[in-house]
Protein backbone atom coordinates (compact mmCIF):
# COMPACT_ATOMS: atom_id res chain seq x y z
CA MET A 1 77.21 103.63 90.63
CA LEU A 2 74.75 103.55 87.72
CA PHE A 3 72.90 106.60 89.13
CA GLY A 4 69.89 104.47 90.03
CA ASN A 5 69.15 103.39 86.45
CA GLY A 6 70.28 99.77 86.45
CA PHE A 7 71.08 97.94 83.21
CA PHE A 8 69.18 97.97 79.92
CA LYS A 9 66.87 95.01 79.40
CA GLY A 10 68.46 92.55 77.03
CA SER A 11 72.00 93.75 77.72
CA SER A 12 75.00 91.53 78.46
CA ILE A 13 76.97 92.08 81.66
CA LEU A 14 80.39 90.72 82.54
CA VAL A 15 81.60 90.40 86.14
CA SER A 16 85.32 89.65 86.26
CA GLY A 17 87.69 89.12 89.15
CA ALA A 18 90.20 86.82 90.78
CA ALA A 19 89.15 84.01 93.12
CA GLY A 20 87.40 85.25 96.26
CA THR A 21 86.51 88.73 94.99
CA GLY A 22 82.73 88.14 95.13
CA LYS A 23 81.75 87.20 91.56
CA SER A 24 79.27 84.47 92.50
CA SER A 25 77.88 86.63 95.31
CA THR A 26 77.27 89.40 92.78
CA ALA A 27 75.58 86.94 90.42
CA ALA A 28 73.37 85.59 93.23
CA SER A 29 72.45 89.14 94.27
CA PHE A 30 71.53 89.83 90.65
CA ALA A 31 69.35 86.70 90.56
CA GLN A 32 67.59 87.66 93.78
CA ALA A 33 66.89 91.19 92.53
CA SER A 34 65.45 89.75 89.34
CA CYS A 35 63.15 87.37 91.22
CA GLU A 36 62.02 90.13 93.59
CA ARG A 37 60.71 92.00 90.54
CA GLY A 38 58.78 88.90 89.46
CA ASN A 39 61.16 88.07 86.60
CA LYS A 40 62.30 84.55 85.80
CA CYS A 41 66.01 83.81 86.11
CA LEU A 42 67.93 80.85 84.68
CA TYR A 43 71.17 80.20 86.60
CA LEU A 44 73.70 78.09 84.66
CA ALA A 45 76.38 76.87 87.08
CA PHE A 46 79.63 75.54 85.61
CA GLU A 47 81.49 75.14 88.88
CA GLU A 48 79.26 74.47 91.91
CA SER A 49 76.08 72.49 92.46
CA PRO A 50 72.79 74.34 93.12
CA LYS A 51 72.80 73.12 96.74
CA GLN A 52 76.28 74.55 97.27
CA ILE A 53 75.35 77.89 95.75
CA ILE A 54 72.16 78.19 97.81
CA ARG A 55 74.00 77.18 101.00
CA ASN A 56 76.90 79.56 100.42
CA MET A 57 74.66 82.52 99.64
CA ARG A 58 72.78 82.11 102.92
CA SER A 59 76.00 83.19 104.68
CA ILE A 60 75.59 86.69 103.18
CA GLY A 61 71.84 86.93 103.74
CA ILE A 62 70.74 85.87 100.23
CA ASN A 63 68.08 83.14 100.45
CA LEU A 64 67.40 81.69 97.00
CA ASP A 65 65.25 78.75 98.10
CA PRO A 66 61.91 80.62 98.03
CA TRP A 67 62.49 81.74 94.43
CA VAL A 68 63.30 78.19 93.36
CA ASN A 69 60.12 76.96 95.03
CA GLU A 70 58.07 79.70 93.32
CA GLY A 71 59.50 78.78 89.93
CA LEU A 72 61.12 82.16 89.40
CA LEU A 73 64.65 80.76 89.69
CA LYS A 74 65.86 77.66 87.87
CA PHE A 75 69.33 76.18 88.36
CA HIS A 76 71.09 74.03 85.81
CA ALA A 77 74.50 72.72 86.85
CA THR A 78 76.89 70.88 84.60
CA ARG A 79 80.63 70.36 84.30
CA PRO A 80 82.05 72.12 81.22
CA THR A 81 84.11 69.03 80.36
CA LEU A 82 80.98 66.84 80.21
CA TYR A 83 80.14 67.99 76.66
CA GLY A 84 81.70 69.80 73.75
CA LEU A 85 81.01 73.48 73.12
CA GLU A 86 78.36 72.81 70.48
CA THR A 87 76.47 70.46 72.79
CA HIS A 88 76.60 73.06 75.58
CA LEU A 89 75.24 75.66 73.16
CA VAL A 90 72.38 73.43 72.02
CA ASN A 91 71.49 72.52 75.62
CA ILE A 92 71.38 76.20 76.62
CA TYR A 93 69.16 76.99 73.64
CA GLU A 94 66.76 74.25 74.73
CA LEU A 95 66.76 75.40 78.37
CA VAL A 96 66.02 78.99 77.36
CA ASN A 97 63.26 78.01 74.93
CA GLU A 98 61.69 75.74 77.55
CA TYR A 99 61.95 78.02 80.60
CA GLN A 100 61.53 81.41 78.84
CA PRO A 101 63.63 83.39 81.37
CA ASP A 102 63.97 87.16 81.61
CA MET A 103 67.51 86.77 82.94
CA VAL A 104 70.29 84.23 82.39
CA ILE A 105 73.40 83.89 84.57
CA PHE A 106 76.56 82.03 83.50
CA ASP A 107 78.81 81.27 86.47
CA PRO A 108 81.63 81.14 85.40
CA ILE A 109 82.02 81.28 81.62
CA SER A 110 85.81 81.16 82.01
CA ASN A 111 85.57 77.44 82.84
CA LEU A 112 84.63 76.78 79.23
CA VAL A 113 88.30 77.13 78.24
CA ASN A 114 88.64 73.55 79.48
CA VAL A 115 86.51 72.44 76.53
CA GLY A 116 87.92 74.37 73.57
CA THR A 117 90.41 77.00 72.50
CA LYS A 118 89.94 80.68 73.34
CA GLU A 119 88.81 81.39 69.78
CA GLU A 120 86.28 78.54 69.85
CA VAL A 121 84.89 79.65 73.23
CA LYS A 122 84.63 83.26 72.08
CA SER A 123 82.82 82.17 68.90
CA MET A 124 80.40 80.03 70.92
CA LEU A 125 79.69 82.86 73.39
CA THR A 126 79.16 85.35 70.55
CA ARG A 127 76.43 83.12 69.12
CA LEU A 128 74.95 82.59 72.57
CA LEU A 129 74.82 86.31 73.41
CA ASP A 130 73.28 87.09 70.01
CA PHE A 131 70.64 84.42 70.69
CA LEU A 132 69.76 85.97 74.08
CA LYS A 133 69.74 89.53 72.72
CA SER A 134 67.35 88.51 69.95
CA ARG A 135 64.92 87.50 72.70
CA THR A 136 65.63 90.60 74.86
CA ILE A 137 67.00 88.41 77.65
CA THR A 138 69.45 90.08 80.01
CA SER A 139 72.57 88.05 80.77
CA MET A 140 75.23 88.21 83.46
CA SER A 141 78.45 86.24 83.06
CA THR A 142 81.18 85.80 85.64
CA ALA A 143 84.77 85.28 84.56
CA LEU A 144 87.85 84.33 86.52
CA THR A 145 90.91 86.47 85.95
CA SER A 146 94.49 86.08 87.08
CA MET A 147 95.52 87.65 90.37
CA ASP A 148 97.16 90.59 88.60
CA GLN A 149 93.78 91.32 86.94
CA LYS A 150 95.39 92.11 83.60
CA ASP A 151 93.24 90.03 81.27
CA ILE A 152 90.30 87.69 80.91
CA ASP A 153 91.45 84.34 79.55
CA ILE A 154 88.73 84.00 76.92
CA GLY A 155 88.80 87.62 75.75
CA VAL A 156 85.04 88.26 75.84
CA SER A 157 85.04 91.73 77.42
CA SER A 158 84.58 93.35 74.00
CA LEU A 159 81.37 91.34 73.48
CA MET A 160 79.72 92.69 76.61
CA ASP A 161 77.61 95.83 76.99
CA SER A 162 78.70 96.35 80.59
CA TRP A 163 81.81 95.23 82.42
CA ILE A 164 82.12 95.14 86.21
CA ASP A 165 85.58 94.38 87.58
CA LEU A 166 86.03 93.13 91.15
CA LYS A 167 89.36 93.23 92.95
CA ALA A 168 90.84 92.30 96.31
CA ILE A 169 93.16 95.05 97.58
CA VAL A 170 95.66 94.01 100.23
CA THR A 171 96.95 96.79 102.48
CA ASP A 172 98.51 96.57 105.94
CA GLY A 173 97.88 92.82 106.06
CA GLU A 174 94.17 93.21 105.29
CA ARG A 175 92.22 92.15 102.20
CA ASN A 176 89.32 94.37 101.08
CA ARG A 177 87.05 94.01 98.04
CA THR A 178 86.51 96.78 95.50
CA ILE A 179 84.19 97.20 92.52
CA ASP A 180 84.77 99.20 89.36
CA ILE A 181 82.51 99.71 86.33
CA VAL A 182 84.93 99.50 83.43
CA LYS A 183 82.25 100.25 80.84
CA SER A 184 78.49 100.40 80.40
CA ARG A 185 77.43 101.21 76.86
CA GLY A 186 74.86 103.96 76.44
CA MET A 187 74.74 104.73 80.16
CA TYR A 188 76.25 107.20 82.57
CA HIS A 189 78.19 105.41 85.27
CA SER A 190 80.56 106.18 88.10
CA ASN A 191 84.27 106.36 87.32
CA GLN A 192 85.19 105.74 90.95
CA LEU A 193 86.54 102.60 92.54
CA ARG A 194 84.22 101.63 95.40
CA GLU A 195 84.74 99.34 98.35
CA PHE A 196 82.03 96.79 99.11
CA ASN A 197 81.38 94.33 101.92
CA LEU A 198 79.71 90.92 101.98
CA THR A 199 77.46 91.31 105.03
CA ASP A 200 74.74 89.29 106.75
CA ASP A 201 72.31 91.34 104.68
CA GLY A 202 73.84 90.98 101.23
CA ILE A 203 76.31 93.14 99.33
CA LYS A 204 76.77 96.66 100.71
CA LEU A 205 78.68 99.44 98.99
CA VAL A 206 80.89 101.61 101.19
CA ASP A 207 81.05 105.34 100.57
CA VAL A 208 84.17 106.48 98.77
CA TYR A 209 86.72 107.75 101.28
CA LEU A 210 89.83 109.57 100.14
CA GLY A 211 92.71 110.08 102.53
CA PRO A 212 95.96 112.01 102.04
CA ALA A 213 97.46 109.03 100.17
CA GLY A 214 94.39 108.22 98.07
CA MET A 215 91.44 105.85 98.48
CA LEU A 216 91.26 104.13 101.86
CA THR A 217 89.58 100.79 102.50
CA GLY A 218 88.83 98.56 105.47
CA SER A 219 90.45 99.32 108.81
CA ALA A 220 92.61 102.05 107.23
CA ARG A 221 89.41 103.92 106.32
CA VAL A 222 87.93 103.33 109.79
CA SER A 223 91.17 104.48 111.44
CA GLN A 224 91.38 107.62 109.29
CA ILE A 225 87.74 108.49 110.00
CA ALA A 226 88.37 108.01 113.75
CA GLU A 227 91.44 110.25 113.58
CA GLU A 228 89.55 112.96 111.73
CA LYS A 229 86.66 112.76 114.19
CA ALA A 230 89.13 113.07 117.08
CA ALA A 231 90.83 116.04 115.39
CA LYS A 232 87.45 117.65 114.79
CA LEU A 233 86.52 117.16 118.45
CA VAL A 234 89.81 118.78 119.53
CA ARG A 235 89.14 121.75 117.23
CA GLU A 236 85.61 122.11 118.59
CA GLN A 237 86.92 121.97 122.16
CA GLU A 238 89.54 124.61 121.34
CA ILE A 239 86.87 126.86 119.81
CA GLU A 240 84.63 126.40 122.86
CA SER A 241 87.58 127.21 125.16
CA LYS A 242 88.35 130.40 123.22
CA GLN A 243 84.69 131.38 123.27
CA ARG A 244 84.60 130.89 127.06
CA GLN A 245 87.74 133.03 127.41
CA ILE A 246 86.19 135.75 125.27
CA GLU A 247 82.99 135.59 127.28
CA ARG A 248 84.97 135.82 130.55
CA LYS A 249 86.88 138.85 129.25
CA ARG A 250 83.62 140.47 128.20
CA GLU A 251 82.15 139.93 131.68
CA ILE A 252 85.28 141.43 133.29
CA MET A 253 85.16 144.37 130.90
CA GLU A 254 81.46 144.97 131.61
CA ALA A 255 82.15 144.79 135.36
CA GLN A 256 84.97 147.33 135.02
CA ILE A 257 82.74 149.65 132.96
CA ALA A 258 79.98 149.38 135.56
CA GLU A 259 82.46 150.21 138.33
CA LEU A 260 83.77 153.24 136.43
CA LYS A 261 80.21 154.47 135.87
CA ALA A 262 79.43 154.10 139.53
CA GLN A 263 82.57 156.03 140.48
CA PHE A 264 81.75 158.76 137.96
CA GLU A 265 78.18 159.13 139.24
CA GLN A 266 79.40 159.32 142.82
CA LYS A 267 81.88 162.04 141.94
CA SER A 268 79.19 163.91 140.02
CA ARG A 269 76.88 163.99 143.06
CA ASN A 270 79.72 165.33 145.24
């Protein structure tokens, strides 16, 4: 969806979505990709403990333990309500200066609204992002949105260089996840909504599939593909049947021509 280019080093990335859309899975996948390149990643968890995150990510084939053991991934978990915003900011500064990461993940930043007002949180995050950018550290922040996906409670989307929005689309009694790149400054990016699956081997994008009524996801996509394959098979069988009929007619015609020639030659000899 980014045409194979990835994000600029030192950029800030926002991943928004309602509960259960795959925000933490996306963040963990981002952390793993960073560690696989030999970069250091600092994971600041404001909701779950490191053990919970590592355990949960194993269910989708993301094993973070080896990176922790190698020192390429460092978790720091704290409840937002434990300190004030300024104390959180100072603690993050100290962690970054001590660990010197290439990547920092905040999961989720939306929990900080429990500590201060929206304006105070936005001011704190502005200073934090400026601090990371000054050190060319790439950041990814997850943010919880309401189910209607209309806004982000702390209004930080304008601060971010790239914004990925995750949704859960419910059709025919089935919930399917989609991903959309709302913006990515200075980069070409896809304008299509894409379906993705959380598999035993990580996050997998599904090819865009458009049916008569628009984009299809989940079993509706599988059903439509099956119907089109069946229709294609019927068409191929009809073509083969017509070709066999034509071939049969050609053989009959050639036999008739051969018989007429034989009759003509016989009459000529008489």
